[in-house]
Amino acid sequence: MGVTGLGLLIVAFDAFRVGTLLIGLAMIGGAVLRWALPSVGMLAVRSRFTDMITYGGLGAAILLLSLMAQPHPWLKVPFLEDILHFTV
């Protein structure tokens, strides 16, 4: 939660890409911690598998979107521009 809070603080100070990268990494770190910790006691409302898939998937999506954010994306996916031209 601390890394996510730091990421949100960095986003608030106008460093969007770095802040969202931290948030995505924190989500993936949460998935790894959920996998590594055998029992979470009374906090276990969902299954471990559900938590890992949800945290990992959302973290990966946030990382991917932050790398592709405009202007000057760090990651360029060539076929996405073609899809955009076909839909508009």
C-alpha atoms as a PDB file:
ATOM      1  CA  MET A   1       0.000   0.000   0.000  1.00  0.00           C
ATOM      2  CA  GLY A   2       2.919   2.300   0.660  1.00  0.00           C
ATOM      3  CA  VAL A   3       4.265   1.947  -2.882  1.00  0.00           C
ATOM      4  CA  THR A   4       0.809   2.605  -4.316  1.00  0.00           C
ATOM      5  CA  GLY A   5       0.472   5.717  -2.140  1.00  0.00           C
ATOM      6  CA  LEU A   6       3.891   6.891  -3.301  1.00  0.00           C
ATOM      7  CA  GLY A   7       2.844   6.299  -6.914  1.00  0.00           C
ATOM      8  CA  LEU A   8      -0.316   8.347  -6.421  1.00  0.00           C
ATOM      9  CA  LEU A   9       1.714  11.125  -4.816  1.00  0.00           C
ATOM     10  CA  ILE A  10       4.123  11.145  -7.756  1.00  0.00           C
ATOM     11  CA  VAL A  11       1.183  11.292 -10.180  1.00  0.00           C
ATOM     12  CA  ALA A  12      -0.188  14.257  -8.213  1.00  0.00           C
ATOM     13  CA  PHE A  13       3.136  16.044  -8.700  1.00  0.00           C
ATOM     14  CA  ASP A  14       2.822  15.657 -12.498  1.00  0.00           C
ATOM     15  CA  ALA A  15       5.066  12.667 -13.176  1.00  0.00           C
ATOM     16  CA  PHE A  16       2.299  10.525 -14.634  1.00  0.00           C
ATOM     17  CA  ARG A  17       4.332   7.765 -16.231  1.00  0.00           C
ATOM     18  CA  VAL A  18       6.638   7.075 -13.267  1.00  0.00           C
ATOM     19  CA  GLY A  19       3.744   7.130 -10.794  1.00  0.00           C
ATOM     20  CA  THR A  20       1.623   4.712 -12.771  1.00  0.00           C
ATOM     21  CA  LEU A  21       4.612   2.408 -13.251  1.00  0.00           C
ATOM     22  CA  LEU A  22       4.998   2.300  -9.463  1.00  0.00           C
ATOM     23  CA  ILE A  23       1.296   1.561  -9.028  1.00  0.00           C
ATOM     24  CA  GLY A  24       1.458  -1.295 -11.559  1.00  0.00           C
ATOM     25  CA  LEU A  25       4.568  -2.733  -9.929  1.00  0.00           C
ATOM     26  CA  ALA A  26       2.882  -2.523  -6.531  1.00  0.00           C
ATOM     27  CA  MET A  27      -0.076  -4.525  -7.860  1.00  0.00           C
ATOM     28  CA  ILE A  28       2.220  -7.190  -9.289  1.00  0.00           C
ATOM     29  CA  GLY A  29       4.134  -7.206  -5.993  1.00  0.00           C
ATOM     30  CA  GLY A  30       0.834  -7.760  -4.184  1.00  0.00           C
ATOM     31  CA  ALA A  31       0.138 -10.768  -6.414  1.00  0.00           C
ATOM     32  CA  VAL A  32       3.576 -12.205  -5.623  1.00  0.00           C
ATOM     33  CA  LEU A  33       3.087 -11.628  -1.889  1.00  0.00           C
ATOM     34  CA  ARG A  34      -0.339 -13.292  -2.017  1.00  0.00           C
ATOM     35  CA  TRP A  35       1.276 -16.297  -3.687  1.00  0.00           C
ATOM     36  CA  ALA A  36       4.168 -16.397  -1.214  1.00  0.00           C
ATOM     37  CA  LEU A  37       2.176 -16.069   2.014  1.00  0.00           C
ATOM     38  CA  PRO A  38       0.481 -19.376   2.814  1.00  0.00           C
ATOM     39  CA  SER A  39      -2.314 -18.024   5.004  1.00  0.00           C
ATOM     40  CA  VAL A  40      -3.766 -14.597   5.602  1.00  0.00           C
ATOM     41  CA  GLY A  41      -6.162 -15.576   8.392  1.00  0.00           C
ATOM     42  CA  MET A  42      -9.522 -13.851   8.617  1.00  0.00           C
ATOM     43  CA  LEU A  43      -8.647 -11.517   5.721  1.00  0.00           C
ATOM     44  CA  ALA A  44      -9.063 -14.381   3.247  1.00  0.00           C
ATOM     45  CA  VAL A  45     -12.407 -13.512   1.700  1.00  0.00           C
ATOM     46  CA  ARG A  46     -11.459 -14.662  -1.806  1.00  0.00           C
ATOM     47  CA  SER A  47      -9.324 -17.556  -2.923  1.00  0.00           C
ATOM     48  CA  ARG A  48      -5.592 -17.139  -3.409  1.00  0.00           C
ATOM     49  CA  PHE A  49      -5.952 -17.883  -7.126  1.00  0.00           C
ATOM     50  CA  THR A  50      -8.542 -15.115  -7.587  1.00  0.00           C
ATOM     51  CA  ASP A  51      -6.359 -12.590  -5.790  1.00  0.00           C
ATOM     52  CA  MET A  52      -3.259 -13.495  -7.778  1.00  0.00           C
ATOM     53  CA  ILE A  53      -5.035 -13.333 -11.139  1.00  0.00           C
ATOM     54  CA  THR A  54      -6.791 -10.064 -10.284  1.00  0.00           C
ATOM     55  CA  TYR A  55      -3.751  -8.277  -8.859  1.00  0.00           C
ATOM     56  CA  GLY A  56      -1.389  -9.596 -11.509  1.00  0.00           C
ATOM     57  CA  GLY A  57      -3.737  -8.841 -14.401  1.00  0.00           C
ATOM     58  CA  LEU A  58      -4.542  -5.335 -13.231  1.00  0.00           C
ATOM     59  CA  GLY A  59      -0.879  -4.638 -12.486  1.00  0.00           C
ATOM     60  CA  ALA A  60       0.187  -5.826 -15.931  1.00  0.00           C
ATOM     61  CA  ALA A  61      -2.552  -3.762 -17.591  1.00  0.00           C
ATOM     62  CA  ILE A  62      -1.533  -0.630 -15.672  1.00  0.00           C
ATOM     63  CA  LEU A  63       2.126  -1.203 -16.581  1.00  0.00           C
ATOM     64  CA  LEU A  64       1.306  -1.724 -20.255  1.00  0.00           C
ATOM     65  CA  LEU A  65      -0.947   1.319 -20.442  1.00  0.00           C
ATOM     66  CA  SER A  66       1.561   3.539 -18.670  1.00  0.00           C
ATOM     67  CA  LEU A  67       4.292   2.477 -21.099  1.00  0.00           C
ATOM     68  CA  MET A  68       2.028   3.254 -24.076  1.00  0.00           C
ATOM     69  CA  ALA A  69       0.678   6.587 -22.760  1.00  0.00           C
ATOM     70  CA  GLN A  70       0.972   9.622 -24.995  1.00  0.00           C
ATOM     71  CA  PRO A  71       2.941  11.817 -25.639  1.00  0.00           C
ATOM     72  CA  HIS A  72       6.190  10.025 -26.442  1.00  0.00           C
ATOM     73  CA  PRO A  73       5.305   6.439 -25.500  1.00  0.00           C
ATOM     74  CA  TRP A  74       8.124   4.227 -24.239  1.00  0.00           C
ATOM     75  CA  LEU A  75       6.486   1.186 -25.851  1.00  0.00           C
ATOM     76  CA  LYS A  76       5.064   1.290 -29.368  1.00  0.00           C
ATOM     77  CA  VAL A  77       2.827  -1.501 -30.601  1.00  0.00           C
ATOM     78  CA  PRO A  78       2.591  -1.174 -34.414  1.00  0.00           C
ATOM     79  CA  PHE A  79      -0.731  -2.933 -34.988  1.00  0.00           C
ATOM     80  CA  LEU A  80      -2.581  -0.680 -32.517  1.00  0.00           C
ATOM     81  CA  GLU A  81      -2.282   2.284 -34.892  1.00  0.00           C
ATOM     82  CA  ASP A  82      -3.794   0.166 -37.691  1.00  0.00           C
ATOM     83  CA  ILE A  83      -6.682  -0.855 -35.441  1.00  0.00           C
ATOM     84  CA  LEU A  84      -7.286   2.792 -34.551  1.00  0.00           C
ATOM     85  CA  HIS A  85      -7.379   3.820 -38.226  1.00  0.00           C
ATOM     86  CA  PHE A  86      -9.867   1.046 -39.035  1.00  0.00           C
ATOM     87  CA  THR A  87     -12.222   2.001 -36.197  1.00  0.00           C
ATOM     88  CA  VAL A  88     -12.283   5.755 -36.825  1.00  0.00           C
END
